[in-house]
Protein backbone atom coordinates (compact mmCIF):
# COMPACT_ATOMS: atom_id res chain seq x y z
CA MET A 1 127.11 89.19 128.28
CA PRO A 2 124.49 86.54 128.89
CA THR A 3 124.87 82.98 127.68
CA GLN A 4 122.48 81.33 125.26
CA GLU A 5 121.02 79.38 128.17
CA GLN A 6 120.36 82.60 130.12
CA ILE A 7 118.68 84.15 127.09
CA LEU A 8 116.45 81.11 126.59
CA GLU A 9 115.56 81.18 130.27
CA VAL A 10 114.33 84.81 130.17
CA LEU A 11 112.46 84.11 126.93
CA LYS A 12 110.40 81.54 128.83
CA ASP A 13 108.61 84.61 130.25
CA CYS A 14 107.16 85.27 126.76
CA TYR A 15 103.96 83.29 126.27
CA ASP A 16 101.88 82.75 123.17
CA PRO A 17 98.68 84.25 124.57
CA GLU A 18 96.41 82.12 122.41
CA ILE A 19 98.02 78.80 123.40
CA GLY A 20 99.37 79.69 126.85
CA ILE A 21 102.77 78.05 126.31
CA ASN A 22 106.06 79.94 126.36
CA ILE A 23 107.79 80.57 123.04
CA VAL A 24 110.88 78.53 123.96
CA ASP A 25 108.90 75.37 124.73
CA LEU A 26 106.75 75.96 121.65
CA GLY A 27 109.92 75.87 119.56
CA LEU A 28 109.51 79.37 118.13
CA ILE A 29 113.16 80.33 118.73
CA TYR A 30 115.23 79.12 115.79
CA GLY A 31 118.57 80.65 116.69
CA ILE A 32 120.53 83.00 118.95
CA GLU A 33 123.80 84.70 118.04
CA ILE A 34 125.74 86.57 120.71
CA ASP A 35 128.37 89.18 119.85
CA PRO A 36 129.99 90.02 123.20
CA GLU A 37 132.28 92.72 121.80
CA ALA A 38 129.35 94.68 120.36
CA GLY A 39 126.95 93.79 123.17
CA LYS A 40 124.55 92.49 120.52
CA VAL A 41 122.17 89.56 120.56
CA LYS A 42 120.51 88.45 117.33
CA THR A 43 117.53 86.15 117.63
CA VAL A 44 115.84 84.31 114.79
CA MET A 45 112.28 83.29 115.56
CA THR A 46 109.03 82.32 113.98
CA LEU A 47 105.35 82.41 114.90
CA THR A 48 102.88 79.55 114.94
CA THR A 49 101.29 81.08 111.84
CA PRO A 50 102.19 84.02 109.58
CA PHE A 51 98.75 85.44 110.41
CA CYS A 52 99.30 85.45 114.18
CA PRO A 53 97.38 88.52 115.40
CA LEU A 54 99.68 88.89 118.42
CA GLY A 55 102.99 88.47 116.61
CA GLU A 56 104.11 92.03 117.36
CA GLU A 57 103.34 91.52 121.04
CA LEU A 58 105.50 88.37 121.11
CA MET A 59 108.37 90.09 119.27
CA ASP A 60 108.17 93.06 121.68
CA CYS A 61 108.41 90.64 124.60
CA VAL A 62 111.53 89.04 123.07
CA ARG A 63 113.19 92.43 122.55
CA THR A 64 112.31 93.58 126.07
CA ARG A 65 113.41 90.42 127.86
CA ILE A 66 116.73 90.10 126.01
CA GLY A 67 117.35 93.84 126.30
CA SER A 68 116.96 93.63 130.08
CA LEU A 69 119.96 91.32 130.42
CA GLU A 70 123.24 92.75 131.70
CA GLY A 71 125.69 93.59 128.93
CA VAL A 72 123.13 93.65 126.11
CA LYS A 73 123.29 96.95 124.23
CA GLU A 74 121.49 95.92 121.04
CA VAL A 75 118.81 93.36 120.23
CA GLU A 76 118.28 92.33 116.63
CA LEU A 77 115.24 90.22 115.86
CA GLU A 78 114.70 88.35 112.63
CA LEU A 79 111.27 86.87 111.93
CA THR A 80 111.18 83.93 109.54
CA PHE A 81 108.68 81.39 108.35
CA ASP A 82 111.27 79.16 106.74
CA PRO A 83 110.86 76.50 107.87
CA PRO A 84 107.26 76.96 108.96
CA TRP A 85 106.51 76.14 112.57
CA GLU A 86 104.86 72.84 113.36
CA PRO A 87 104.08 71.19 116.72
CA SER A 88 106.99 68.75 116.35
CA LYS A 89 109.40 71.71 116.83
CA ALA A 90 108.28 72.05 120.47
CA THR A 91 110.46 70.87 123.35
CA GLU A 92 109.35 67.74 125.21
CA ASP A 93 107.67 69.96 127.82
CA GLY A 94 105.98 71.91 125.04
CA LYS A 95 104.79 68.72 123.32
CA THR A 96 103.30 67.50 126.59
CA LEU A 97 101.38 70.77 126.99
CA LEU A 98 100.26 70.72 123.36
CA ARG A 99 98.96 67.16 123.77
CA ILE A 100 96.98 68.30 126.85
CA LEU A 101 95.43 70.96 124.60
CA GLY A 102 94.55 68.29 122.07
CA VAL A 103 97.09 69.33 119.43
CA PRO A 104 98.31 66.32 117.45
CA ILE A 105 102.10 65.98 117.48
């Protein structure tokens, strides 16, 4: 089974197409639970807005990327808006990129 760090690394391949920053650095991943005996990975994530027109595309990317990892038999994805996303949830790299885009942090 992959580690949390390996999962976060492959999720960096999933980009918010409107902003152009990966979902890990944006701070959209709220939690990862790994059940090695069941081969299951549960991910809790959010979107930048509940009205994100490409939310399904981002969630499909998460499912696909995690599902491609060795040992993963099941991917469970929970979408939440509690707490709502805000730019301060981004990693330091993400905040730097958001500032370049003119987003106040």
